[in-house]
Amino acid sequence: MRKLTLLLLIAFLQLTLINAVKGQLKRSSVTSDYKIDLSGKWAFQVDSLDQGIPEKWYKNTLPGKIILPGSMTTNGLGNDITVNTPWTGSIEDSTWFRNPEYEQYRQPGNIKIPFWLQPDKYYKGAAWYQKKVTIPATWSKKHIELYIERSHWETTVWVGDKQIGMQNSLSTAHVFDLSNELSPGEHQITIRVDNRIKDFNVGQNSHSISDHTQTNWNGMIGQLFLKAKPLVYIDDVQLYPDIKNKLVKAHVQIINRTGKIVSTSINLLAASSKVTTLKTVSKKVSVAKDTVVEITYPMGEKPLLWSEFSPDVYKMQVRLATAANEKDERSVTFGMRSFSSQGTQFTINNKPTFLRGTLECAAYPKTGFPPTDLQSWMRILTICRSYGLNHLRFHSWCPPDAAFEAADRLGFYFQIECASWANQGASIGDGNPLDQYIYDESNRIVKAYGNHPSFCMMNYGNEPNGKNLVKYLTDFVAYWKKKDPRHLYSTGSGWPIISGSDYNSTPDPRIQGWEQGLKSIINGESPRADYDWTNIIKKWQHPTVSHEIGQWCVYPDFKEISQYDGVLKAKNFEIFHDQLKKQGLGNLAEDFLFASGKLQVLCYKADIEAALRTPGFGGFQLLGLNDFPGQGTALVGVLNPFWRDKGYITGKEYSQFCNAIVPLARLPKMIYLNNEIFTVPVEIAQFGRQELSSVTPKWSIKNDKGDVLFRGELGTTNIPLGNTIKLGVIKQALNSITKPAKLTLAVSVAGYENSWEVFVYPAVLPKVNQEIMVTNTIDNKAAETLNKGGKVLLTLKKGALKGDKGGNIAIGFSSIFWNTAWTHSQPPVTLGILCDPQHPAFKEFPTQRYSNWQWWDAMTHSNAIRLDSVATDLQPIVRVIDDWVTAQSLGLIFECRVGNGKLIVSGIDLQSDLDKRPEARQLLYSLQSYMNNDKFEPNLKVDIQKIRSLYQTRPEPK
């Protein structure tokens, strides 16, 4: 009996020891760094009627379940989409709600909207999230914080039945002090998240909240945890690099919650993977309550400087110790860099730089909210770099910390905005709660991300509205210029321009503006590549960044629909695809994408090169490198919303005209006759790592087969940093080119090459068959010619086509600007041409499948003919790509039989001013040559009245 008792005692002691070890291990795994991870399952309840607070839901256990980090939508929670869904974002074109052609998409079970990407579920209002936590005994007498990396957006927190507080930042973490409520033991934390516009209105189209882009989601993402700190802890570290004096000034904020004065020691040590020689700097400080300690840290004789070419970062280890052996520490990323300006150009570490940027509009179809992990941002920025960019502007939102970390590593310059587009229902500077919120939000942003070297620029937000906006934003810029010299500051993206800003953001320097329509440079002036923005920017004394250049559309890529396997679906694409198939053009979708894509690239190249040609220019911000899925669907990217290319240009090709170093040719025109001397000044935009020494620029001109027709060298020279650096002039006689040709001029400098396609036509053309009748109307003579089996070329004057036959379709050379829904059908409303280059009609008029510069004249002297008004399934020689919303079958040139004869109908005026229009003269000759050939055998027969009904009738002369 005694032996059994002893054995039982030993077993009990062993079990107790094992459980103690297990408990210790468990406690260590949870709190080894005094952090409790809160990701995973939470209790949940929707509060659509706002009953939660009066009914004290925080006292009860919520009945539902949800997974965090995430949103209601990623958890499949919310309401089904209906015609009454209370979206966040303005709808400029409301025809979907009433037009009969959209009726099928307004039916329950088949709701499809064209405004933006469509979520599976939608909810706007309050929702409650709840989790039970166990606080270990080791957290006794600690400062305890709840950390929510990003919430959307207003959060109110309870511990048990005690309300802790409310926060509403859209740009930074929500951090709550729970020290007084979280004693060791089990507690229930309840968080109410509300995604409605309430006290302050940042603007319903702000990309921080709008359904146009990231969606107005409800939830919490990123890191989500409880953390315990000593009662004397580091609250903030701000580092101010001084590259001139090779030091960093550190401002360390220490919080003391002990209620008494505490002696502390602060140690700073900067570290880099490339530098190991820096030493610790220490300072002893007595802390009464909240104290900011300033410490100067020397960075050695040769500190590594951060830039796009050498993205070298340091980590500053800040350690705090008290006499009671309490310790706290913080590791802060920073870079030794100075992002500033000299005159009208930006500088990085006192060297000129040029911003080659795009907008980041928070479009993330997989989740409906931006990523918070480093890998995702490394991917996005690496893709941007492959297209020659070095800059991102965050349109009316601020990214999470992982984006800054990725940019630090890759050398990207960020412009941050304070989560607002105060327009269309909102305003700034008029005394509304938003005015104070912008100051609060900007301070939170700078505190959270201000140390990152990639954080270079900041303004209030996008395109402001308000009677007193100039005064408000002038004060805002002055406030930040005085407070923090690490960044450059401006008013708002787009406007207003004030003398006190560090830089301008303006839409003036671009080749197409809002409401310019067909009067813009690219649509209203003959093609050339020698203009710049000197006259626009000469009145300003600081750098100018062109605001939202480009906005050139491409046809939808319907193959993309299958990629939307997350919370957002491309129901808008499904509508557009249905429309295309309804018009009998479904088989042309891929051709429309490719042809419009090539025109889109041509437009972007023109926009970007104009900026690079401008002396003293600051840079550009594209809208955008990837598509903007909202605002009526703005397919303005050469990449889709997933940052994937669409098959018509690669990063390598794009970076020929968008890069740190870009050769430039100031072509006075794109169309030449062979009796001319090809005279083209060559220059370079050179914002590379350093001066280029002993460089010999080379040039060549190739034909369409790739054969080099001419080549040469310009003088050997040293090329400093800057742009508009003249390299020489190409002069080449073209008289050896006897046939019409598409030629490619290429200029290469130090391994960088850029190229331009130009067209050369014979100055003298052979005579054509006089029996082919060319006319602008089917008069009696033309009808008689056709009846007798003759050949007629009907070339309509611009404006002659009847409205319902296509005369009311505003065509131009360029692609659609932004999109027709949001611009209320700003011209042009078409996307260039599509043709078969091998068609014999083009034997004397070289062309690709798509619009190039030689089609500018045709598109500006024509109307697009509605082909279905002539005959069903009419296949034209030259097709015009219509807006994807209407998807009409349009043509510029088609052929048919009329009576006993053969007819070509041209919506292009091929008669007027031919001495001034070499392209029209050459196209006319090519068509006539084709009509004189036995290959001219149209199959389709059309009644002559159908042809006559196309244009405005004129009385026959007597």
Foldseek 3Di string as FASTA:
>chain_A
DVVVVVVVVVVVVVVVVVVVVVVVVVCCVQQVVQKHFPFFKWAKDDDQPVCCVVVVCLQDGHDHIDGPPAFCLQRVDAAADAPPAPFQDDFLFPVCSPPPLNVQCRDPPRPFDLFFWDFRHDDAFKMKIKDKDFDAQVLPQWWKKWKFFAFLFKKWKDKNSRTQGIDGALAGIDMTTCNVPHHGGMIMMMMMWGNDDDQADLGSNQLSAGPLALHSTGHTHDTTMMGTAHQKEWDFWAWDADVVQQKIKIKTKIAHRPQAKWKKKKKKFKDFPVDDPADIDMDIDIDGGIDIDIDMGHRDDDHDADALVGLTKIWIWIKMATPVGGIYIDIDIAGNWAFAFDWAFIDINNAGAAAAAAEDSQHDLFRSGDDQALVLLLVLVVLVVLLAGQEYEYALHHDGPSNLVSCSVNGHAYEGERNHDQDDPGAEDPPGPVLVVLVVSVVSCCRVHVRRLNDAEYEHHADGDDPGLVVSQLVVQVVPVVVDVRYFYDYYAADDDDQSGQEAHHQPWEQDDFPCFQVGCVFNHADFQAAACQVPPVVHTYAYEHGAYQLFAAQDDLVCQVVSPHRTGPSSSVSLLVLQVVQVNNVCRVVRRQQLLVLSLVRVLSGLSNQQQHFSHHYYYHNRQEWSRRRSTRGRHCHYSSSHGDPRDGSNQSSLSRHQKHKDKRGGHQEAELQDKRKIWIWMQHRDPFKAAFKKKKKFKAFPVRHTPDIDIFDGGIGGHGTPGTGGMDIGRRNVPAAKTWMKMWMDIPHRIDIDIGIYHHPDDDDFPPQEAEEQACDPVNLVCQQVAGEYEHEHWQQFFDVVFFNVQAETQHGDRRACSNSVCRPNQWRFKAAPQPPQLCPRPGDDRHDDSLCRLQRSGFTWGQVVLWPRPFDARMWIGGHSNNNTTTGQWHKARENNYIYIYGRGHLPPPCVVRVSSVRSVVSNSVVVVDPVRDHDHYTYPVSVNNGGDDDDDDD
